[in-house]
Amino acid sequence: MAVSLISPYVAADEIKLKEAADLLAETGHPISVSTLERLCRRQGVPMTKHGRANAASWTELLKLHRNWVNSRPGS
C-alpha cells in the first residue's frame, strides 16, 4: 500500500505561480515565475506542487511582489 505525501501546509488562498505572474503583470511590474520561485525559497514561503507547477499563498506572493518592486532601483 502506497502512502501519499500530505503537506502540513495548505494555503486557503493558494494560486499557481504562473497564474500569479500573469495577474501581477497587470500591475505594471511584471515578474517571472522563476523570480517568484526564487523569492519564495529565499523568504521561506511554502510552495506546493500541482503536477509540474508550483503554487503558493496569493497573500504571501503579493507581499513578496510588493517588496521586490520596492527594492528595485527607481521605485
PDB file of N, CA and C in Angstrom:
ATOM      1  N   MET A   1       0.843  -1.177   0.000  1.00  0.00           N
ATOM      2  CA  MET A   1       0.000   0.000   0.000  1.00  0.00           C
ATOM      3  C   MET A   1       0.891   1.243   0.000  1.00  0.00           C
ATOM      4  N   ALA A   2       0.659   2.114  -0.937  1.00  0.00           N
ATOM      5  CA  ALA A   2       1.451   3.335  -1.048  1.00  0.00           C
ATOM      6  C   ALA A   2       0.920   4.397  -0.096  1.00  0.00           C
ATOM      7  N   VAL A   3       1.835   5.147   0.443  1.00  0.00           N
ATOM      8  CA  VAL A   3       1.466   6.247   1.330  1.00  0.00           C
ATOM      9  C   VAL A   3       1.603   7.540   0.542  1.00  0.00           C
ATOM     10  N   SER A   4       0.550   8.315   0.520  1.00  0.00           N
ATOM     11  CA  SER A   4       0.625   9.586  -0.197  1.00  0.00           C
ATOM     12  C   SER A   4       1.201  10.653   0.729  1.00  0.00           C
ATOM     13  N   LEU A   5       1.913  11.568   0.143  1.00  0.00           N
ATOM     14  CA  LEU A   5       2.514  12.658   0.897  1.00  0.00           C
ATOM     15  C   LEU A   5       1.441  13.691   1.207  1.00  0.00           C
ATOM     16  N   ILE A   6       1.304  14.000   2.456  1.00  0.00           N
ATOM     17  CA  ILE A   6       0.335  15.004   2.872  1.00  0.00           C
ATOM     18  C   ILE A   6       1.109  16.215   3.366  1.00  0.00           C
ATOM     19  N   SER A   7       0.861  17.334   2.740  1.00  0.00           N
ATOM     20  CA  SER A   7       1.550  18.558   3.125  1.00  0.00           C
ATOM     21  C   SER A   7       0.887  19.152   4.361  1.00  0.00           C
ATOM     22  N   PRO A   8       1.670  19.508   5.371  1.00  0.00           N
ATOM     23  CA  PRO A   8       1.083  20.147   6.546  1.00  0.00           C
ATOM     24  C   PRO A   8       0.669  21.587   6.255  1.00  0.00           C
ATOM     25  N   TYR A   9       1.106  22.104   5.112  1.00  0.00           N
ATOM     26  CA  TYR A   9       0.799  23.476   4.738  1.00  0.00           C
ATOM     27  C   TYR A   9      -0.190  23.480   3.589  1.00  0.00           C
ATOM     28  N   VAL A  10      -1.338  24.046   3.821  1.00  0.00           N
ATOM     29  CA  VAL A  10      -2.314  24.223   2.752  1.00  0.00           C
ATOM     30  C   VAL A  10      -2.864  25.631   2.894  1.00  0.00           C
ATOM     31  N   ALA A  11      -2.512  26.471   1.953  1.00  0.00           N
ATOM     32  CA  ALA A  11      -2.976  27.853   1.998  1.00  0.00           C
ATOM     33  C   ALA A  11      -4.409  27.926   1.496  1.00  0.00           C
ATOM     34  N   ALA A  12      -5.220  28.685   2.187  1.00  0.00           N
ATOM     35  CA  ALA A  12      -6.615  28.839   1.779  1.00  0.00           C
ATOM     36  C   ALA A  12      -6.718  29.634   0.482  1.00  0.00           C
ATOM     37  N   ASP A  13      -5.711  30.446   0.212  1.00  0.00           N
ATOM     38  CA  ASP A  13      -5.731  31.301  -0.977  1.00  0.00           C
ATOM     39  C   ASP A  13      -4.640  30.902  -1.968  1.00  0.00           C
ATOM     40  N   GLU A  14      -4.421  29.611  -2.099  1.00  0.00           N
ATOM     41  CA  GLU A  14      -3.336  29.107  -2.935  1.00  0.00           C
ATOM     42  C   GLU A  14      -3.595  29.377  -4.419  1.00  0.00           C
ATOM     43  N   ILE A  15      -2.522  29.750  -5.122  1.00  0.00           N
ATOM     44  CA  ILE A  15      -2.590  30.039  -6.549  1.00  0.00           C
ATOM     45  C   ILE A  15      -1.310  29.525  -7.199  1.00  0.00           C
ATOM     46  N   LYS A  16      -1.425  29.041  -8.426  1.00  0.00           N
ATOM     47  CA  LYS A  16      -0.232  28.602  -9.152  1.00  0.00           C
ATOM     48  C   LYS A  16       0.620  29.824  -9.479  1.00  0.00           C
ATOM     49  N   LEU A  17       1.935  29.637  -9.450  1.00  0.00           N
ATOM     50  CA  LEU A  17       2.837  30.761  -9.665  1.00  0.00           C
ATOM     51  C   LEU A  17       2.679  31.366 -11.058  1.00  0.00           C
ATOM     52  N   LYS A  18       2.375  30.564 -12.052  1.00  0.00           N
ATOM     53  CA  LYS A  18       2.157  31.082 -13.409  1.00  0.00           C
ATOM     54  C   LYS A  18       0.943  32.006 -13.433  1.00  0.00           C
ATOM     55  N   GLU A  19      -0.131  31.587 -12.775  1.00  0.00           N
ATOM     56  CA  GLU A  19      -1.330  32.423 -12.708  1.00  0.00           C
ATOM     57  C   GLU A  19      -1.038  33.710 -11.942  1.00  0.00           C
ATOM     58  N   ALA A  20      -0.272  33.594 -10.865  1.00  0.00           N
ATOM     59  CA  ALA A  20       0.094  34.769 -10.079  1.00  0.00           C
ATOM     60  C   ALA A  20       0.933  35.732 -10.915  1.00  0.00           C
ATOM     61  N   ALA A  21       1.900  35.201 -11.661  1.00  0.00           N
ATOM     62  CA  ALA A  21       2.747  36.049 -12.503  1.00  0.00           C
ATOM     63  C   ALA A  21       1.907  36.779 -13.550  1.00  0.00           C
ATOM     64  N   ASP A  22       0.923  36.091 -14.116  1.00  0.00           N
ATOM     65  CA  ASP A  22       0.038  36.726 -15.101  1.00  0.00           C
ATOM     66  C   ASP A  22      -0.761  37.864 -14.469  1.00  0.00           C
ATOM     67  N   LEU A  23      -1.272  37.639 -13.274  1.00  0.00           N
ATOM     68  CA  LEU A  23      -2.044  38.680 -12.588  1.00  0.00           C
ATOM     69  C   LEU A  23      -1.151  39.848 -12.164  1.00  0.00           C
ATOM     70  N   LEU A  24       0.043  39.537 -11.679  1.00  0.00           N
ATOM     71  CA  LEU A  24       0.947  40.594 -11.230  1.00  0.00           C
ATOM     72  C   LEU A  24       1.459  41.439 -12.394  1.00  0.00           C
ATOM     73  N   ALA A  25       1.496  40.876 -13.588  1.00  0.00           N
ATOM     74  CA  ALA A  25       1.916  41.642 -14.769  1.00  0.00           C
ATOM     75  C   ALA A  25       0.959  42.804 -15.023  1.00  0.00           C
ATOM     76  N   GLU A  26      -0.287  42.640 -14.627  1.00  0.00           N
ATOM     77  CA  GLU A  26      -1.283  43.693 -14.822  1.00  0.00           C
ATOM     78  C   GLU A  26      -1.034  44.903 -13.925  1.00  0.00           C
ATOM     79  N   THR A  27      -0.158  44.775 -12.937  1.00  0.00           N
ATOM     80  CA  THR A  27       0.150  45.896 -12.048  1.00  0.00           C
ATOM     81  C   THR A  27       1.114  46.882 -12.692  1.00  0.00           C
ATOM     82  N   GLY A  28       1.692  46.484 -13.824  1.00  0.00           N
ATOM     83  CA  GLY A  28       2.708  47.315 -14.452  1.00  0.00           C
ATOM     84  C   GLY A  28       4.113  46.951 -14.002  1.00  0.00           C
ATOM     85  N   HIS A  29       4.210  45.955 -13.138  1.00  0.00           N
ATOM     86  CA  HIS A  29       5.501  45.474 -12.639  1.00  0.00           C
ATOM     87  C   HIS A  29       5.561  43.965 -12.848  1.00  0.00           C
ATOM     88  N   PRO A  30       5.768  43.534 -14.103  1.00  0.00           N
ATOM     89  CA  PRO A  30       5.778  42.093 -14.374  1.00  0.00           C
ATOM     90  C   PRO A  30       6.916  41.384 -13.651  1.00  0.00           C
ATOM     91  N   ILE A  31       6.665  40.135 -13.313  1.00  0.00           N
ATOM     92  CA  ILE A  31       7.652  39.307 -12.625  1.00  0.00           C
ATOM     93  C   ILE A  31       7.545  37.901 -13.205  1.00  0.00           C
ATOM     94  N   SER A  32       8.669  37.246 -13.372  1.00  0.00           N
ATOM     95  CA  SER A  32       8.661  35.909 -13.964  1.00  0.00           C
ATOM     96  C   SER A  32       8.349  34.848 -12.904  1.00  0.00           C
ATOM     97  N   VAL A  33       7.931  33.701 -13.385  1.00  0.00           N
ATOM     98  CA  VAL A  33       7.654  32.572 -12.494  1.00  0.00           C
ATOM     99  C   VAL A  33       8.931  32.168 -11.761  1.00  0.00           C
ATOM    100  N   SER A  34      10.054  32.160 -12.474  1.00  0.00           N
ATOM    101  CA  SER A  34      11.312  31.758 -11.831  1.00  0.00           C
ATOM    102  C   SER A  34      11.717  32.744 -10.732  1.00  0.00           C
ATOM    103  N   THR A  35      11.441  34.020 -10.926  1.00  0.00           N
ATOM    104  CA  THR A  35      11.740  35.004  -9.882  1.00  0.00           C
ATOM    105  C   THR A  35      10.824  34.794  -8.683  1.00  0.00           C
ATOM    106  N   LEU A  36       9.555  34.510  -8.936  1.00  0.00           N
ATOM    107  CA  LEU A  36       8.639  34.216  -7.830  1.00  0.00           C
ATOM    108  C   LEU A  36       9.109  32.992  -7.050  1.00  0.00           C
ATOM    109  N   GLU A  37       9.529  31.951  -7.767  1.00  0.00           N
ATOM    110  CA  GLU A  37      10.027  30.742  -7.097  1.00  0.00           C
ATOM    111  C   GLU A  37      11.252  31.064  -6.244  1.00  0.00           C
ATOM    112  N   ARG A  38      12.175  31.844  -6.803  1.00  0.00           N
ATOM    113  CA  ARG A  38      13.389  32.211  -6.073  1.00  0.00           C
ATOM    114  C   ARG A  38      13.052  33.019  -4.821  1.00  0.00           C
ATOM    115  N   LEU A  39      12.142  33.981  -4.951  1.00  0.00           N
ATOM    116  CA  LEU A  39      11.745  34.789  -3.802  1.00  0.00           C
ATOM    117  C   LEU A  39      11.075  33.936  -2.728  1.00  0.00           C
ATOM    118  N   CYS A  40      10.249  32.992  -3.147  1.00  0.00           N
ATOM    119  CA  CYS A  40       9.596  32.092  -2.186  1.00  0.00           C
ATOM    120  C   CYS A  40      10.635  31.291  -1.412  1.00  0.00           C
ATOM    121  N   ARG A  41      11.612  30.750  -2.128  1.00  0.00           N
ATOM    122  CA  ARG A  41      12.656  29.967  -1.456  1.00  0.00           C
ATOM    123  C   ARG A  41      13.451  30.839  -0.488  1.00  0.00           C
ATOM    124  N   ARG A  42      13.831  32.024  -0.924  1.00  0.00           N
ATOM    125  CA  ARG A  42      14.638  32.920  -0.078  1.00  0.00           C
ATOM    126  C   ARG A  42      13.893  33.366   1.175  1.00  0.00           C
ATOM    127  N   GLN A  43      12.602  33.627   1.026  1.00  0.00           N
ATOM    128  CA  GLN A  43      11.820  34.161   2.144  1.00  0.00           C
ATOM    129  C   GLN A  43      11.096  33.079   2.940  1.00  0.00           C
ATOM    130  N   GLY A  44      11.260  31.830   2.532  1.00  0.00           N
ATOM    131  CA  GLY A  44      10.651  30.730   3.273  1.00  0.00           C
ATOM    132  C   GLY A  44       9.150  30.594   3.078  1.00  0.00           C
ATOM    133  N   VAL A  45       8.655  31.070   1.944  1.00  0.00           N
ATOM    134  CA  VAL A  45       7.225  30.925   1.650  1.00  0.00           C
ATOM    135  C   VAL A  45       6.994  29.504   1.141  1.00  0.00           C
ATOM    136  N   PRO A  46       6.152  28.741   1.812  1.00  0.00           N
ATOM    137  CA  PRO A  46       5.915  27.356   1.398  1.00  0.00           C
ATOM    138  C   PRO A  46       5.266  27.282   0.011  1.00  0.00           C
ATOM    139  N   MET A  47       5.758  26.356  -0.787  1.00  0.00           N
ATOM    140  CA  MET A  47       5.174  26.089  -2.102  1.00  0.00           C
ATOM    141  C   MET A  47       4.728  24.632  -2.129  1.00  0.00           C
ATOM    142  N   THR A  48       3.664  24.377  -2.853  1.00  0.00           N
ATOM    143  CA  THR A  48       3.201  23.008  -3.048  1.00  0.00           C
ATOM    144  C   THR A  48       3.188  22.721  -4.543  1.00  0.00           C
ATOM    145  N   LYS A  49       3.331  21.458  -4.875  1.00  0.00           N
ATOM    146  CA  LYS A  49       3.332  21.038  -6.277  1.00  0.00           C
ATOM    147  C   LYS A  49       1.918  20.666  -6.705  1.00  0.00           C
ATOM    148  N   HIS A  50       1.554  21.130  -7.879  1.00  0.00           N
ATOM    149  CA  HIS A  50       0.307  20.736  -8.528  1.00  0.00           C
ATOM    150  C   HIS A  50       0.714  20.242  -9.909  1.00  0.00           C
ATOM    151  N   GLY A  51       0.968  18.951 -10.006  1.00  0.00           N
ATOM    152  CA  GLY A  51       1.533  18.419 -11.241  1.00  0.00           C
ATOM    153  C   GLY A  51       2.962  18.913 -11.354  1.00  0.00           C
ATOM    154  N   ARG A  52       3.252  19.651 -12.419  1.00  0.00           N
ATOM    155  CA  ARG A  52       4.594  20.212 -12.599  1.00  0.00           C
ATOM    156  C   ARG A  52       4.695  21.650 -12.104  1.00  0.00           C
ATOM    157  N   ALA A  53       3.562  22.241 -11.758  1.00  0.00           N
ATOM    158  CA  ALA A  53       3.536  23.653 -11.374  1.00  0.00           C
ATOM    159  C   ALA A  53       3.596  23.822  -9.857  1.00  0.00           C
ATOM    160  N   ASN A  54       4.282  24.863  -9.421  1.00  0.00           N
ATOM    161  CA  ASN A  54       4.306  25.223  -8.009  1.00  0.00           C
ATOM    162  C   ASN A  54       3.174  26.192  -7.715  1.00  0.00           C
ATOM    163  N   ALA A  55       2.688  26.127  -6.490  1.00  0.00           N
ATOM    164  CA  ALA A  55       1.645  27.042  -6.033  1.00  0.00           C
ATOM    165  C   ALA A  55       2.028  27.546  -4.653  1.00  0.00           C
ATOM    166  N   ALA A  56       1.518  28.723  -4.313  1.00  0.00           N
ATOM    167  CA  ALA A  56       1.792  29.319  -3.006  1.00  0.00           C
ATOM    168  C   ALA A  56       0.619  30.216  -2.632  1.00  0.00           C
ATOM    169  N   SER A  57       0.662  30.730  -1.432  1.00  0.00           N
ATOM    170  CA  SER A  57      -0.380  31.626  -0.943  1.00  0.00           C
ATOM    171  C   SER A  57      -0.363  32.931  -1.741  1.00  0.00           C
ATOM    172  N   TRP A  58      -1.523  33.321  -2.249  1.00  0.00           N
ATOM    173  CA  TRP A  58      -1.641  34.572  -3.000  1.00  0.00           C
ATOM    174  C   TRP A  58      -1.262  35.754  -2.110  1.00  0.00           C
ATOM    175  N   THR A  59      -1.672  35.718  -0.861  1.00  0.00           N
ATOM    176  CA  THR A  59      -1.340  36.790   0.076  1.00  0.00           C
ATOM    177  C   THR A  59       0.169  36.933   0.225  1.00  0.00           C
ATOM    178  N   GLU A  60       0.858  35.804   0.397  1.00  0.00           N
ATOM    179  CA  GLU A  60       2.317  35.846   0.543  1.00  0.00           C
ATOM    180  C   GLU A  60       2.991  36.296  -0.747  1.00  0.00           C
ATOM    181  N   LEU A  61       2.454  35.882  -1.888  1.00  0.00           N
ATOM    182  CA  LEU A  61       3.025  36.306  -3.170  1.00  0.00           C
ATOM    183  C   LEU A  61       2.856  37.808  -3.372  1.00  0.00           C
ATOM    184  N   LEU A  62       1.728  38.345  -2.950  1.00  0.00           N
ATOM    185  CA  LEU A  62       1.525  39.796  -3.043  1.00  0.00           C
ATOM    186  C   LEU A  62       2.557  40.544  -2.203  1.00  0.00           C
ATOM    187  N   LYS A  63       2.826  40.041  -1.012  1.00  0.00           N
ATOM    188  CA  LYS A  63       3.830  40.668  -0.146  1.00  0.00           C
ATOM    189  C   LYS A  63       5.220  40.588  -0.775  1.00  0.00           C
ATOM    190  N   LEU A  64       5.558  39.407  -1.311  1.00  0.00           N
ATOM    191  CA  LEU A  64       6.856  39.250  -1.966  1.00  0.00           C
ATOM    192  C   LEU A  64       6.992  40.207  -3.142  1.00  0.00           C
ATOM    193  N   HIS A  65       5.935  40.313  -3.935  1.00  0.00           N
ATOM    194  CA  HIS A  65       5.959  41.188  -5.108  1.00  0.00           C
ATOM    195  C   HIS A  65       6.111  42.647  -4.679  1.00  0.00           C
ATOM    196  N   ARG A  66       5.373  43.056  -3.661  1.00  0.00           N
ATOM    197  CA  ARG A  66       5.483  44.431  -3.153  1.00  0.00           C
ATOM    198  C   ARG A  66       6.917  44.735  -2.741  1.00  0.00           C
ATOM    199  N   ASN A  67       7.509  43.841  -1.973  1.00  0.00           N
ATOM    200  CA  ASN A  67       8.880  44.055  -1.504  1.00  0.00           C
ATOM    201  C   ASN A  67       9.871  44.051  -2.660  1.00  0.00           C
ATOM    202  N   TRP A  68       9.644  43.187  -3.633  1.00  0.00           N
ATOM    203  CA  TRP A  68      10.513  43.104  -4.806  1.00  0.00           C
ATOM    204  C   TRP A  68      10.446  44.404  -5.607  1.00  0.00           C
ATOM    205  N   VAL A  69       9.242  44.924  -5.816  1.00  0.00           N
ATOM    206  CA  VAL A  69       9.078  46.178  -6.558  1.00  0.00           C
ATOM    207  C   VAL A  69       9.742  47.322  -5.801  1.00  0.00           C
ATOM    208  N   ASN A  70       9.532  47.386  -4.493  1.00  0.00           N
ATOM    209  CA  ASN A  70      10.102  48.470  -3.691  1.00  0.00           C
ATOM    210  C   ASN A  70      11.623  48.421  -3.617  1.00  0.00           C
ATOM    211  N   SER A  71      12.204  47.244  -3.813  1.00  0.00           N
ATOM    212  CA  SER A  71      13.663  47.115  -3.725  1.00  0.00           C
ATOM    213  C   SER A  71      14.363  47.426  -5.043  1.00  0.00           C
ATOM    214  N   ARG A  72      13.599  47.570  -6.104  1.00  0.00           N
ATOM    215  CA  ARG A  72      14.189  47.825  -7.417  1.00  0.00           C
ATOM    216  C   ARG A  72      14.571  49.296  -7.554  1.00  0.00           C
ATOM    217  N   PRO A  73      15.664  49.575  -8.249  1.00  0.00           N
ATOM    218  CA  PRO A  73      16.079  50.969  -8.455  1.00  0.00           C
ATOM    219  C   PRO A  73      14.983  51.764  -9.174  1.00  0.00           C
ATOM    220  N   GLY A  74      14.794  52.983  -8.747  1.00  0.00           N
ATOM    221  CA  GLY A  74      13.799  53.843  -9.375  1.00  0.00           C
ATOM    222  C   GLY A  74      12.408  53.681  -8.808  1.00  0.00           C
ATOM    223  N   SER A  75      12.279  52.887  -7.752  1.00  0.00           N
ATOM    224  CA  SER A  75      10.948  52.684  -7.153  1.00  0.00           C
ATOM    225  C   SER A  75      10.636  53.770  -6.162  1.00  0.00           C
TER     226      SER A  75
END
